[in-house]
Structure formats: C-alpha cells, structure tokens
Amino acid sequence: MSSESESRSGHAALWMLGALAVFGMAAFVLWVGMAIMPPMARAQEIGTVVPWFITWGLLWLTVVIALAIAGFVAMVGLRSQPTDPDVGSRK
C-alpha cells in the first residue's frame, strides 16, 4: 500500500487541474440551475414556492460543497512535493 505522502507527492499541476475541474463543475451546476429554474414570480403564480426554495437551496449547497472540495484539492496540490528529487537541488 502506498502511504499518504506517496499519493500526494508531485503532480501539483494535476491536483490544480482537478481543482479547476471541480470549480468548473460548480459553475456548470449554477448555470444549469439558472437556465432551468423558473423565476420566483412564476413559482408564486402556480403555487410552487416551497419546492422552488428547496431546489435553489440544494443547488447552492452543491455549489458551496464543490467550491470547498476545489479549495481542498488546490491546497493539497500546493503542498505536494515534486516527484523528481533533483528538482530544486543545487548540484
């Protein structure tokens, strides 16, 4: 089994790419929510205010969690060490 330091070592660019992908997912979820959700006035007209609030709450919860995951993945990437031991050495 690999240790935690081996799984995090190097590949900072890949961790940052993963963080960017999760951030993009958060933006996509928000965009889809804005595209498919009716306006509040329309929800009031047809009497679906409670489901409207619940749906928006779940959308925003998804966005916040995705941003938290993206931040965590970016922090792991910033803390990772290069895999090549000669990188940064002054030989």
Protein backbone atom coordinates (compact mmCIF):
# COMPACT_ATOMS: atom_id res chain seq x y z
CA MET A 1 0.00 0.00 0.00
CA SER A 2 1.20 3.50 -0.67
CA SER A 3 1.46 5.96 2.13
CA GLU A 4 -0.32 9.28 2.17
CA SER A 5 2.86 11.19 1.34
CA GLU A 6 3.44 8.99 -1.72
CA SER A 7 -0.08 9.57 -3.00
CA ARG A 8 0.29 13.32 -2.61
CA SER A 9 3.84 13.60 -3.86
CA GLY A 10 4.42 15.56 -7.03
CA HIS A 11 1.93 16.21 -9.74
CA ALA A 12 0.91 19.60 -8.35
CA ALA A 13 -0.32 20.53 -11.82
CA LEU A 14 -2.66 17.53 -11.81
CA TRP A 15 -4.06 18.50 -8.42
CA MET A 16 -4.62 22.05 -9.66
CA LEU A 17 -6.24 20.71 -12.83
CA GLY A 18 -8.56 18.62 -10.65
CA ALA A 19 -9.39 21.68 -8.55
CA LEU A 20 -10.15 23.63 -11.71
CA ALA A 21 -12.39 20.82 -12.95
CA VAL A 22 -14.37 20.78 -9.69
CA PHE A 23 -14.63 24.59 -9.79
CA GLY A 24 -15.93 24.29 -13.35
CA MET A 25 -18.48 21.75 -12.18
CA ALA A 26 -19.71 24.21 -9.55
CA ALA A 27 -20.09 26.92 -12.20
CA PHE A 28 -21.88 24.47 -14.51
CA VAL A 29 -24.35 23.43 -11.78
CA LEU A 30 -25.14 27.08 -11.07
CA TRP A 31 -25.57 27.83 -14.77
CA VAL A 32 -27.88 24.83 -15.29
CA GLY A 33 -29.92 25.87 -12.24
CA MET A 34 -30.34 29.39 -13.60
CA ALA A 35 -31.30 28.01 -17.01
CA ILE A 36 -33.94 25.53 -15.87
CA MET A 37 -35.43 27.14 -12.76
CA PRO A 38 -38.44 29.39 -13.28
CA PRO A 39 -38.38 32.87 -11.76
CA MET A 40 -39.78 33.34 -8.24
CA ALA A 41 -42.81 35.21 -9.61
CA ARG A 42 -43.73 32.23 -11.79
CA ALA A 43 -43.34 29.85 -8.83
CA GLN A 44 -45.68 32.07 -6.79
CA GLU A 45 -48.24 32.10 -9.61
CA ILE A 46 -48.50 28.34 -9.78
CA GLY A 47 -48.07 27.79 -6.04
CA THR A 48 -44.74 26.01 -6.01
CA VAL A 49 -42.75 28.37 -3.81
CA VAL A 50 -41.62 25.74 -1.29
CA PRO A 51 -40.20 23.35 -3.93
CA TRP A 52 -38.59 26.39 -5.60
CA PHE A 53 -36.79 27.31 -2.36
CA ILE A 54 -35.78 23.69 -1.70
CA THR A 55 -34.38 23.30 -5.22
CA TRP A 56 -32.41 26.54 -5.03
CA GLY A 57 -31.14 25.56 -1.59
CA LEU A 58 -29.89 22.24 -2.93
CA LEU A 59 -28.30 23.92 -5.94
CA TRP A 60 -26.44 26.41 -3.75
CA LEU A 61 -25.44 23.64 -1.34
CA THR A 62 -23.95 21.72 -4.27
CA VAL A 63 -22.04 24.81 -5.40
CA VAL A 64 -20.68 25.52 -1.90
CA ILE A 65 -19.59 21.91 -1.38
CA ALA A 66 -17.94 21.83 -4.83
CA LEU A 67 -16.05 25.04 -4.01
CA ALA A 68 -14.92 23.57 -0.69
CA ILE A 69 -13.69 20.42 -2.45
CA ALA A 70 -11.93 22.51 -5.11
CA GLY A 71 -10.22 24.52 -2.38
CA PHE A 72 -9.13 21.38 -0.56
CA VAL A 73 -7.78 19.80 -3.75
CA ALA A 74 -5.90 23.01 -4.60
CA MET A 75 -4.38 23.12 -1.10
CA VAL A 76 -3.21 19.51 -1.43
CA GLY A 77 -1.68 20.38 -4.79
CA LEU A 78 0.13 23.38 -3.35
CA ARG A 79 1.54 21.27 -0.51
CA SER A 80 2.74 18.42 -2.75
CA GLN A 81 6.43 17.89 -3.35
CA PRO A 82 8.00 17.32 -6.77
CA THR A 83 8.43 13.65 -7.69
CA ASP A 84 11.90 14.22 -9.15
CA PRO A 85 14.42 14.54 -6.29
CA ASP A 86 16.70 16.67 -8.48
CA VAL A 87 14.10 19.38 -8.92
CA GLY A 88 15.18 22.42 -6.95
CA SER A 89 18.54 20.94 -5.94
CA ARG A 90 21.72 22.96 -6.39
CA LYS A 91 24.07 20.36 -7.77
